[in-house]
Amino acid sequence: MAIRKKSTKSPPVLSHEFVLQNHADIVSCVAMVFLLGLMFEITAKASIIFVTLQYNVTLPATEEQATESASLYYYGIKDLATVFFYMLVAIIIHAIIQEYVLDKINRRMHFSKTKHSKFNESGQLSAFYLFACVWGTFILISENYISDPTILWRAYPHNLMTFQMKFFYISQLAYWLHAFPELYFQKTKKEDIPRQLVYIGLYLFHIAGAYLLNLNHLGLVLLVLHYFVEFLFHISRLFYFSDEKYQKGFSLWAVLFVLGRLLTLILSVLTVGFGLARAENQKLDFSTGNFNVLAVRIAVLASICITQAFMMWKFINFQLRRWREHSTFQAPVVKKKPTVTKGRSSRKGTENGVNGTVTSNGADSPRNRKEKSS
């Protein structure tokens, strides 16, 4: 009677792409629940909180705008629901870019595991930075921020926002919140998680601070400036992965990074330290959203200065590490001169020719020794 051997085959392992697609499908179903809720009268009131912007205020037409009334927005607790919905949208868009763009490039380039993760990170961030930078620049131009810099502090508090301004901040908060579940979806290495958490937390801290303190004008300018510099870095890293000889983008990024930090400090001191410090209304008032007091101004400037100093410290360490690697790679190799050893081994080496090869004159060959003995 034959004895059947137990199968030792391991269960099939789910691929990384299948896991990502599975999570994206689940998130898509959750987002569709909120959208379908708008079709029914019973659930429409609850779904509309998640999908559309809340706290709308319609201002009557003035002499300058006699034809139409202005629709502005302020923030409130219901914005958390809107941020949650667009966080789901960000996860779906992240999965689409990963599946239809980055994964196809990875299959062609055959990157290693380390380059694979860094390529995905730079690919996702470069797409986001480009979109946010173009969108933010459009808002700056449409609201005349570039032509009149005094808008950054004039008529503070800026508690009423246009639709584009509020939607921009909601999208920023949603995107950086979606980065937390993406750490699990992308199977991020444990040693990379602390670095990811630090910069995600810094983004959320500063964006939420500008939003809640009604410093949205200053926050928008600083975000566009910062996003442009970061976009240049990540797009340069994408070109570097395709051709490791490419270094021009990093050189340009290094110059713009330092200029970006200086401009950030100048605009922050000019707005908070001089513009808001000279404003007439400097009383803390939560009802009107006025936070223009000395303690808040010091806290805002301190957080910005500490963050810029931290970024410069990381930047200097990065440049020093690159310089050391570049110098060691191009260091000339000093060839040692061959040393002539005295004694029997040296004479044998000369008799046997160069590098121990036997010459045609073989002085110690057996035939020569035999003839001498005879």
Protein backbone atom coordinates (compact mmCIF):
# COMPACT_ATOMS: atom_id res chain seq x y z
CA MET A 1 0.00 0.00 0.00
CA ALA A 2 1.53 3.27 -1.12
CA ILE A 3 1.88 6.00 1.45
CA ARG A 4 1.00 9.47 0.21
CA LYS A 5 3.45 12.17 1.15
CA LYS A 6 2.10 15.39 2.55
CA SER A 7 2.44 18.36 0.26
CA THR A 8 5.07 20.81 1.48
CA LYS A 9 4.13 23.57 -0.95
CA SER A 10 3.67 26.96 0.69
CA PRO A 11 0.41 28.85 0.08
CA PRO A 12 0.50 31.34 -2.79
CA VAL A 13 1.89 34.72 -1.80
CA LEU A 14 -0.11 37.76 -2.86
CA SER A 15 1.88 40.14 -5.01
CA HIS A 16 2.48 43.71 -3.93
CA GLU A 17 0.52 45.05 -6.90
CA PHE A 18 -2.47 42.85 -6.01
CA VAL A 19 -2.44 44.10 -2.41
CA LEU A 20 -2.36 47.73 -3.56
CA GLN A 21 -5.17 47.13 -6.04
CA ASN A 22 -7.24 45.41 -3.34
CA HIS A 23 -6.88 48.35 -0.96
CA ALA A 24 -7.69 50.80 -3.75
CA ASP A 25 -10.87 48.88 -4.57
CA ILE A 26 -11.99 48.96 -0.93
CA VAL A 27 -11.33 52.69 -0.67
CA SER A 28 -13.17 53.28 -3.95
CA CYS A 29 -16.22 51.47 -2.60
CA VAL A 30 -16.19 53.62 0.55
CA ALA A 31 -15.96 56.81 -1.53
CA MET A 32 -18.82 55.64 -3.76
CA VAL A 33 -21.01 55.19 -0.68
CA PHE A 34 -20.75 58.92 0.04
CA LEU A 35 -21.42 59.82 -3.60
CA LEU A 36 -24.43 57.54 -3.84
CA GLY A 37 -25.74 59.03 -0.63
CA LEU A 38 -26.30 62.30 -2.50
CA MET A 39 -28.96 60.60 -4.65
CA PHE A 40 -31.33 59.88 -1.76
CA GLU A 41 -33.08 62.51 0.30
CA ILE A 42 -32.60 60.65 3.58
CA THR A 43 -28.80 60.41 3.29
CA ALA A 44 -28.16 63.55 1.22
CA LYS A 45 -27.79 65.82 4.24
CA ALA A 46 -25.12 63.58 5.74
CA SER A 47 -23.28 62.90 2.48
CA ILE A 48 -23.11 66.54 1.45
CA ILE A 49 -21.00 67.29 4.52
CA PHE A 50 -18.31 64.94 3.20
CA VAL A 51 -18.41 65.87 -0.48
CA THR A 52 -18.89 69.65 -0.62
CA LEU A 53 -17.25 72.54 1.22
CA GLN A 54 -19.06 73.78 4.30
CA TYR A 55 -19.58 77.15 6.03
CA ASN A 56 -20.58 79.17 3.00
CA VAL A 57 -21.26 82.91 3.42
CA THR A 58 -22.76 85.06 0.66
CA LEU A 59 -21.77 88.70 0.75
CA PRO A 60 -24.01 91.28 -0.96
CA ALA A 61 -22.79 93.07 -4.08
CA THR A 62 -20.84 96.30 -3.56
CA GLU A 63 -20.14 99.26 -5.80
CA GLU A 64 -17.03 97.56 -7.18
CA GLN A 65 -18.94 94.31 -7.82
CA ALA A 66 -22.42 95.54 -8.62
CA THR A 67 -23.34 92.67 -10.91
CA GLU A 68 -22.87 89.65 -8.64
CA SER A 69 -22.52 88.79 -4.99
CA ALA A 70 -19.39 87.17 -3.53
CA SER A 71 -19.47 83.68 -2.01
CA LEU A 72 -16.82 83.13 0.68
CA TYR A 73 -16.03 80.38 3.19
CA TYR A 74 -14.70 80.07 6.72
CA TYR A 75 -13.55 76.97 8.57
CA GLY A 76 -15.24 74.81 11.18
CA ILE A 77 -15.44 71.34 12.69
CA LYS A 78 -17.34 69.92 9.68
CA ASP A 79 -14.22 70.39 7.58
CA LEU A 80 -12.87 67.20 9.13
CA ALA A 81 -15.51 65.20 7.26
CA THR A 82 -14.59 66.90 3.98
CA VAL A 83 -10.90 66.24 4.60
CA PHE A 84 -11.68 62.57 5.25
CA PHE A 85 -13.57 62.17 1.96
CA TYR A 86 -10.83 63.80 -0.11
CA MET A 87 -8.27 61.69 1.72
CA LEU A 88 -10.03 58.69 0.18
CA VAL A 89 -9.87 60.40 -3.21
CA ALA A 90 -6.13 60.96 -2.73
CA ILE A 91 -5.63 57.24 -1.99
CA ILE A 92 -7.47 56.33 -5.20
CA ILE A 93 -5.43 58.77 -7.31
CA HIS A 94 -2.24 57.48 -5.65
CA ALA A 95 -3.14 53.91 -6.67
CA ILE A 96 -3.95 54.97 -10.26
CA ILE A 97 -0.59 56.73 -10.69
CA GLN A 98 1.21 53.77 -9.15
CA GLU A 99 -0.47 51.13 -11.31
CA TYR A 100 -0.70 52.83 -14.70
CA VAL A 101 2.49 54.93 -14.66
CA LEU A 102 5.13 54.00 -12.10
CA ASP A 103 4.75 50.22 -12.16
CA LYS A 104 5.05 50.15 -15.95
CA ILE A 105 8.25 52.18 -15.81
CA ASN A 106 9.64 49.95 -13.08
CA ARG A 107 9.09 46.84 -15.21
CA ARG A 108 11.06 48.36 -18.06
CA MET A 109 13.93 49.77 -15.99
CA HIS A 110 14.39 46.71 -13.72
CA PHE A 111 15.31 48.71 -10.62
CA SER A 112 16.64 47.18 -7.44
CA LYS A 113 14.47 47.11 -4.32
CA THR A 114 16.05 50.27 -2.92
CA LYS A 115 15.74 52.20 -6.17
CA HIS A 116 12.25 50.81 -6.67
CA SER A 117 10.94 52.35 -3.44
CA LYS A 118 12.75 55.65 -3.99
CA PHE A 119 11.52 55.86 -7.57
CA ASN A 120 7.93 55.33 -6.42
CA GLU A 121 8.32 57.97 -3.72
CA SER A 122 9.78 60.56 -6.10
CA GLY A 123 7.23 59.72 -8.78
CA GLN A 124 4.27 60.25 -6.49
CA LEU A 125 5.66 63.40 -4.87
CA SER A 126 6.75 65.01 -8.13
CA ALA A 127 3.24 64.58 -9.55
CA PHE A 128 1.69 66.08 -6.41
CA TYR A 129 4.17 68.96 -6.14
CA LEU A 130 3.68 69.90 -9.79
CA PHE A 131 -0.11 69.90 -9.49
CA ALA A 132 -0.13 71.82 -6.19
CA CYS A 133 2.45 74.33 -7.42
CA VAL A 134 0.49 75.11 -10.60
CA TRP A 135 -2.79 75.33 -8.68
CA GLY A 136 -1.31 77.58 -5.99
CA THR A 137 0.31 79.85 -8.58
CA PHE A 138 -3.06 80.23 -10.31
CA ILE A 139 -4.63 81.34 -7.01
CA LEU A 140 -1.79 83.80 -6.37
CA ILE A 141 -2.23 85.37 -9.80
CA SER A 142 -6.04 85.47 -9.69
CA GLU A 143 -6.07 87.18 -6.28
CA ASN A 144 -3.23 89.63 -7.08
CA TYR A 145 -0.85 88.36 -4.40
CA ILE A 146 2.19 88.87 -6.61
CA SER A 147 1.39 92.46 -7.63
CA ASP A 148 0.48 93.53 -4.08
CA PRO A 149 2.52 91.73 -1.35
CA THR A 150 0.81 93.74 1.42
CA ILE A 151 -2.17 91.40 1.04
CA LEU A 152 -0.18 88.94 3.16
CA TRP A 153 -0.86 90.97 6.31
CA ARG A 154 -3.35 93.65 5.34
CA ALA A 155 -6.93 93.33 6.65
CA TYR A 156 -6.01 90.49 9.02
CA PRO A 157 -7.71 88.21 10.13
CA HIS A 158 -8.24 86.49 6.79
CA ASN A 159 -11.08 84.38 8.14
CA LEU A 160 -13.08 84.45 4.88
CA MET A 161 -11.66 82.49 1.96
CA THR A 162 -12.61 82.05 -1.66
CA PHE A 163 -13.69 78.64 -2.92
CA GLN A 164 -10.30 78.02 -4.53
CA MET A 165 -8.40 78.98 -1.39
CA LYS A 166 -10.39 76.76 0.96
CA PHE A 167 -10.46 73.83 -1.45
CA PHE A 168 -6.68 74.14 -1.80
CA TYR A 169 -6.15 73.83 1.95
CA ILE A 170 -8.65 70.98 2.25
CA SER A 171 -6.81 69.13 -0.52
CA GLN A 172 -3.43 69.72 1.13
CA LEU A 173 -4.59 68.37 4.47
CA ALA A 174 -6.26 65.40 2.75
CA TYR A 175 -3.15 64.53 0.77
CA TRP A 176 -0.76 64.54 3.70
CA LEU A 177 -3.22 62.61 5.86
CA HIS A 178 -3.49 59.97 3.15
CA ALA A 179 0.28 59.48 3.44
CA PHE A 180 -0.20 57.66 6.78
CA PRO A 181 -2.21 54.68 5.40
CA GLU A 182 0.07 54.67 2.35
CA LEU A 183 2.94 53.69 4.63
CA TYR A 184 1.09 50.40 5.14
CA PHE A 185 -0.19 50.04 1.58
CA GLN A 186 3.27 50.57 0.08
CA LYS A 187 4.92 48.19 2.57
CA THR A 188 7.42 50.83 3.68
CA LYS A 189 10.54 49.52 5.38
CA LYS A 190 10.71 49.93 9.15
CA GLU A 191 13.92 51.95 8.98
CA ASP A 192 12.27 54.44 6.58
CA ILE A 193 9.08 54.95 8.61
CA PRO A 194 10.53 57.46 11.16
CA ARG A 195 11.83 59.71 8.35
CA GLN A 196 8.46 59.54 6.60
CA LEU A 197 6.55 60.35 9.79
CA VAL A 198 8.74 63.38 10.50
CA TYR A 199 8.18 65.16 7.21
CA ILE A 200 4.49 64.19 7.02
CA GLY A 201 4.01 65.60 10.52
CA LEU A 202 5.84 68.82 9.61
CA TYR A 203 3.62 69.35 6.58
CA LEU A 204 0.42 68.77 8.55
CA PHE A 205 1.58 70.96 11.42
CA HIS A 206 2.38 73.98 9.26
CA ILE A 207 -0.56 73.66 6.85
CA ALA A 208 -3.07 73.18 9.66
CA GLY A 209 -1.45 76.03 11.61
CA ALA A 210 -1.77 78.47 8.70
CA TYR A 211 -5.37 77.32 8.13
CA LEU A 212 -6.51 77.58 11.75
CA LEU A 213 -4.65 80.83 12.56
CA ASN A 214 -6.13 82.52 9.46
CA LEU A 215 -2.65 82.96 7.95
CA ASN A 216 -3.79 81.30 4.74
CA HIS A 217 -2.34 84.05 2.51
CA LEU A 218 1.17 83.63 3.92
CA GLY A 219 0.81 79.86 4.00
CA LEU A 220 -0.15 79.72 0.33
CA VAL A 221 2.90 81.74 -0.78
CA LEU A 222 5.29 79.65 1.34
CA LEU A 223 3.76 76.38 0.14
CA VAL A 224 4.09 77.30 -3.54
CA LEU A 225 7.71 78.35 -2.98
CA HIS A 226 8.54 75.18 -1.08
CA TYR A 227 6.69 72.88 -3.50
CA PHE A 228 8.57 74.27 -6.49
CA VAL A 229 11.95 73.52 -4.91
CA GLU A 230 10.86 70.04 -3.83
CA PHE A 231 9.47 69.30 -7.29
CA LEU A 232 12.84 70.11 -8.81
CA PHE A 233 14.58 67.73 -6.40
CA HIS A 234 12.29 64.77 -7.04
CA ILE A 235 12.19 65.23 -10.82
CA SER A 236 16.02 65.38 -10.76
CA ARG A 237 16.09 62.15 -8.80
CA LEU A 238 13.85 60.49 -11.39
CA PHE A 239 16.27 61.50 -14.15
CA TYR A 240 19.17 60.30 -12.00
CA PHE A 241 17.63 56.83 -11.71
CA SER A 242 17.42 56.59 -15.51
CA ASP A 243 20.97 57.95 -15.98
CA GLU A 244 23.33 58.05 -12.99
CA LYS A 245 25.58 60.57 -14.76
CA TYR A 246 22.85 63.20 -14.51
CA GLN A 247 23.84 65.75 -11.85
CA LYS A 248 22.80 69.14 -13.28
CA GLY A 249 19.36 69.04 -11.68
CA PHE A 250 20.80 68.48 -8.21
CA SER A 251 23.18 71.41 -8.62
CA LEU A 252 20.33 73.74 -9.58
CA TRP A 253 18.21 72.35 -6.74
CA ALA A 254 20.98 73.02 -4.21
CA VAL A 255 21.09 76.71 -5.17
CA LEU A 256 17.30 77.11 -5.18
CA PHE A 257 16.99 75.23 -1.89
CA VAL A 258 19.16 77.78 -0.08
CA LEU A 259 17.37 80.69 -1.79
CA GLY A 260 14.02 79.16 -0.86
CA ARG A 261 14.95 78.99 2.81
CA LEU A 262 16.08 82.63 2.76
CA LEU A 263 12.91 83.80 1.01
CA THR A 264 10.79 81.84 3.48
CA LEU A 265 12.46 83.53 6.44
CA ILE A 266 12.25 86.97 4.81
CA LEU A 267 8.54 86.68 3.98
CA SER A 268 7.73 85.25 7.42
CA VAL A 269 9.56 88.01 9.30
CA LEU A 270 8.12 90.67 6.99
CA THR A 271 4.54 89.44 7.44
CA VAL A 272 4.48 88.32 11.07
CA GLY A 273 7.27 90.40 12.58
CA PHE A 274 6.54 93.74 10.87
CA GLY A 275 3.15 93.66 9.11
CA LEU A 276 1.03 92.07 11.84
CA ALA A 277 3.06 93.69 14.62
CA ARG A 278 2.02 97.14 13.35
CA ALA A 279 -1.66 96.29 12.95
CA GLU A 280 -4.16 98.23 15.04
CA ASN A 281 -6.19 95.26 16.28
CA GLN A 282 -3.91 93.09 18.45
CA LYS A 283 -6.44 91.44 20.73
CA LEU A 284 -7.11 87.71 20.91
CA ASP A 285 -10.65 87.10 19.64
CA PHE A 286 -11.79 83.58 18.79
CA SER A 287 -15.16 84.74 17.43
CA THR A 288 -13.57 86.80 14.66
CA GLY A 289 -10.51 84.56 14.29
CA ASN A 290 -8.02 87.21 15.36
CA PHE A 291 -4.83 85.61 16.73
CA ASN A 292 -2.63 88.65 16.27
CA VAL A 293 -1.02 88.71 19.71
CA LEU A 294 2.64 88.71 20.70
CA ALA A 295 2.69 85.12 21.98
CA VAL A 296 1.18 83.72 18.78
CA ARG A 297 3.51 85.77 16.58
CA ILE A 298 6.56 84.51 18.49
CA ALA A 299 5.30 80.91 18.26
CA VAL A 300 4.71 81.21 14.50
CA LEU A 301 8.14 82.71 13.82
CA ALA A 302 9.84 80.21 16.12
CA SER A 303 8.22 77.22 14.40
CA ILE A 304 9.14 78.53 10.95
CA CYS A 305 12.74 79.34 11.94
CA ILE A 306 13.26 75.98 13.67
CA THR A 307 11.87 74.12 10.66
CA GLN A 308 14.08 76.03 8.23
CA ALA A 309 17.13 75.41 10.42
CA PHE A 310 16.28 71.69 10.58
CA MET A 311 15.96 71.55 6.78
CA MET A 312 19.27 73.36 6.30
CA TRP A 313 20.96 70.95 8.71
CA LYS A 314 19.63 67.96 6.74
CA PHE A 315 20.65 69.67 3.50
CA ILE A 316 24.23 70.30 4.68
CA ASN A 317 24.60 66.69 5.84
CA PHE A 318 23.27 65.48 2.50
CA GLN A 319 25.73 67.64 0.56
CA LEU A 320 28.66 66.58 2.74
CA ARG A 321 27.79 62.92 2.26
CA ARG A 322 27.58 63.40 -1.50
CA TRP A 323 30.92 65.24 -1.50
CA ARG A 324 32.63 62.45 0.47
CA GLU A 325 31.21 59.77 -1.83
CA HIS A 326 32.26 61.74 -4.91
CA SER A 327 35.79 62.35 -3.58
CA THR A 328 36.35 58.71 -2.62
CA PHE A 329 35.03 57.55 -6.00
CA GLN A 330 37.44 59.81 -7.92
CA ALA A 331 40.46 59.31 -5.63
CA PRO A 332 43.48 58.12 -7.70
CA VAL A 333 44.76 54.67 -6.88
CA VAL A 334 48.48 54.80 -5.99
CA LYS A 335 50.33 51.85 -7.51
CA LYS A 336 53.03 50.33 -5.38
CA LYS A 337 56.44 49.78 -6.97
CA PRO A 338 57.50 46.14 -7.12
CA THR A 339 60.08 45.42 -4.42
CA VAL A 340 63.12 43.33 -5.36
CA THR A 341 63.79 40.73 -2.66
CA LYS A 342 67.27 39.46 -2.09
CA GLY A 343 68.29 35.84 -1.84
CA ARG A 344 67.29 32.64 -3.50
CA SER A 345 63.73 33.58 -4.40
CA SER A 346 64.85 36.67 -6.37
CA ARG A 347 67.46 34.74 -8.35
CA LYS A 348 64.91 32.06 -9.16
CA GLY A 349 62.49 34.69 -10.33
CA THR A 350 65.05 36.20 -12.72
CA GLU A 351 66.03 32.85 -14.04
CA ASN A 352 62.46 31.84 -14.73
CA GLY A 353 61.67 35.07 -16.59
CA VAL A 354 59.06 37.70 -15.98
CA ASN A 355 56.33 36.92 -13.42
CA GLY A 356 57.63 33.39 -12.94
CA THR A 357 57.19 32.27 -16.56
CA VAL A 358 59.74 29.80 -17.85
CA THR A 359 62.02 31.14 -20.59
CA SER A 360 63.54 29.26 -23.49
CA ASN A 361 66.94 29.46 -21.81
CA GLY A 362 65.77 27.33 -18.83
CA ALA A 363 69.03 27.24 -16.84
CA ASP A 364 67.71 24.78 -14.29
CA SER A 365 66.07 22.38 -16.69
CA PRO A 366 66.66 18.62 -16.05
CA ARG A 367 68.64 18.18 -19.33
CA ASN A 368 71.19 20.87 -18.38
CA ARG A 369 71.70 19.41 -14.92
CA LYS A 370 72.26 15.92 -16.46
CA GLU A 371 74.85 17.19 -18.92
CA LYS A 372 76.77 18.98 -16.15
CA SER A 373 76.85 15.88 -13.97
CA SER A 374 78.21 13.80 -16.83
